[in-house]
Protein backbone atom coordinates (compact mmCIF):
# COMPACT_ATOMS: atom_id res chain seq x y z
CA MET A 1 34.37 7.24 -10.19
CA ALA A 2 31.08 7.59 -12.09
CA GLU A 3 30.38 3.90 -11.60
CA LYS A 4 30.86 4.31 -7.86
CA ARG A 5 28.43 7.27 -7.77
CA THR A 6 25.85 5.22 -9.68
CA PHE A 7 26.22 2.42 -7.15
CA TRP A 8 25.73 4.89 -4.29
CA ALA A 9 22.66 6.39 -5.99
CA GLU A 10 21.12 2.94 -6.34
CA ASP A 11 21.96 2.22 -2.72
CA ARG A 12 20.20 5.43 -1.62
CA THR A 13 17.20 4.52 -3.75
CA LEU A 14 16.98 1.09 -2.14
CA LEU A 15 17.17 2.66 1.31
CA ALA A 16 14.48 5.17 0.32
CA ASN A 17 12.32 2.28 -0.87
CA GLU A 18 12.70 0.61 2.52
CA ARG A 19 11.78 3.85 4.32
CA THR A 20 8.75 4.27 2.07
CA PHE A 21 7.68 0.70 2.75
CA ALA A 22 8.01 1.31 6.49
CA GLY A 23 5.92 4.48 6.09
CA TRP A 24 3.17 2.53 4.35
CA LEU A 25 3.22 -0.03 7.15
CA ARG A 26 2.96 2.73 9.77
CA THR A 27 -0.07 4.08 7.93
CA GLY A 28 -1.67 0.64 7.97
CA MET A 29 -0.91 0.20 11.66
CA ALA A 30 -2.43 3.62 12.38
CA SER A 31 -5.61 2.50 10.61
CA LEU A 32 -5.67 -0.59 12.81
CA ALA A 33 -5.16 1.58 15.90
CA VAL A 34 -8.17 3.69 14.87
CA ALA A 35 -10.25 0.54 14.50
CA ILE A 36 -9.19 -0.70 17.94
CA GLY A 37 -9.72 2.74 19.47
CA LEU A 38 -13.26 2.80 18.12
CA ARG A 39 -14.09 -0.04 20.50
CA ALA A 40 -13.09 2.11 23.47
CA VAL A 41 -14.89 5.20 22.20
CA PHE A 42 -18.02 3.48 20.91
CA GLY A 43 -18.28 0.80 23.61
CA ALA A 44 -21.96 1.44 24.41
CA PHE A 45 -22.96 2.78 21.01
CA ASP A 46 -26.35 1.71 19.70
CA PRO A 47 -26.81 0.31 17.08
CA THR A 48 -23.58 -1.62 17.48
CA TRP A 49 -23.37 -2.49 13.78
CA VAL A 50 -22.63 1.16 12.90
CA ALA A 51 -19.52 1.29 15.09
CA LYS A 52 -18.46 -2.14 13.83
CA LEU A 53 -18.91 -1.00 10.23
CA VAL A 54 -16.76 2.09 10.81
CA ALA A 55 -14.06 -0.04 12.49
CA THR A 56 -14.23 -2.51 9.60
CA ILE A 57 -13.56 0.31 7.12
CA PHE A 58 -10.28 1.06 8.88
CA ILE A 59 -9.35 -2.63 9.17
CA ALA A 60 -9.98 -3.13 5.44
CA LEU A 61 -7.95 -0.04 4.59
CA ALA A 62 -5.09 -1.30 6.76
CA ILE A 63 -5.06 -4.57 4.83
CA VAL A 64 -5.12 -2.70 1.51
CA VAL A 65 -2.24 -0.49 2.67
CA PHE A 66 -0.15 -3.51 3.71
CA TRP A 67 -0.57 -5.23 0.35
CA VAL A 68 -0.10 -2.08 -1.73
CA ALA A 69 3.08 -1.41 0.26
CA ARG A 70 4.36 -4.89 -0.48
CA ARG A 71 3.53 -4.67 -4.17
CA GLU A 72 5.09 -1.23 -4.61
CA ALA A 73 8.24 -2.19 -2.71
CA CYS A 74 8.64 -5.29 -4.89
CA ARG A 75 8.04 -3.25 -8.05
CA THR A 76 10.68 -0.75 -7.00
CA LEU A 77 13.17 -3.55 -6.41
CA GLY A 78 12.36 -4.93 -9.86
CA ARG A 79 12.86 -1.52 -11.46
CA MET A 80 16.18 -1.20 -9.69
CA GLU A 81 17.32 -4.47 -11.25
CA ARG A 82 16.22 -3.29 -14.71
CA HIS A 83 17.39 0.31 -14.15
CA THR A 84 13.98 1.77 -15.01
CA ALA A 85 11.88 4.08 -12.87
CA ARG A 86 8.18 4.88 -12.81
CA PRO A 87 6.17 6.98 -10.35
CA LEU A 88 3.30 5.61 -8.29
CA ASP A 89 0.00 5.60 -10.18
CA SER A 90 -2.19 8.47 -8.96
CA SER A 91 -5.28 6.23 -8.92
CA ARG A 92 -3.79 4.24 -6.03
CA ILE A 93 -3.09 7.41 -4.08
CA THR A 94 -6.63 8.62 -4.78
CA PHE A 95 -8.13 5.28 -3.70
CA LEU A 96 -6.35 5.35 -0.34
CA ALA A 97 -7.14 9.03 0.24
CA ASN A 98 -10.82 8.44 -0.57
CA GLY A 99 -11.02 5.35 1.63
CA LEU A 100 -9.43 7.07 4.60
CA SER A 101 -11.67 10.10 4.06
CA VAL A 102 -14.80 7.94 4.08
CA GLY A 103 -13.60 6.26 7.26
CA ALA A 104 -12.88 9.61 8.89
CA VAL A 105 -16.33 10.96 7.98
CA ALA A 106 -17.92 7.79 9.35
CA VAL A 107 -16.05 8.22 12.63
CA GLY A 108 -17.22 11.83 12.80
CA VAL A 109 -20.84 10.83 12.21
CA VAL A 110 -20.74 8.17 14.91
CA LEU A 111 -19.06 10.58 17.34
CA TRP A 112 -21.82 13.13 16.75
CA LEU A 113 -24.47 10.46 17.32
CA LEU A 114 -23.04 9.52 20.75
């Protein structure tokens, strides 16, 4: 009975890992949507390099999110095989929060300059 519960707990953890991975991917796709949306909002913005720079911030963050998601999902699978667990490093969370904050501020600045 206990062995069966352990199996179910591992199964739930694997499913949670997949949901978390999907959440990371949604975040990356949202960053891409912001970058694409900037083209519509800032179509006639001058200088054009500012709008392109802001869009590039979100594109770069999307790429970072995709690769961090992949790495963390693979690490979780590895920990499941070894039966060890470790939380996500707070520096990664801080990096993404800072990057998205800088991108959001940049969007705000460009919007105010329109």
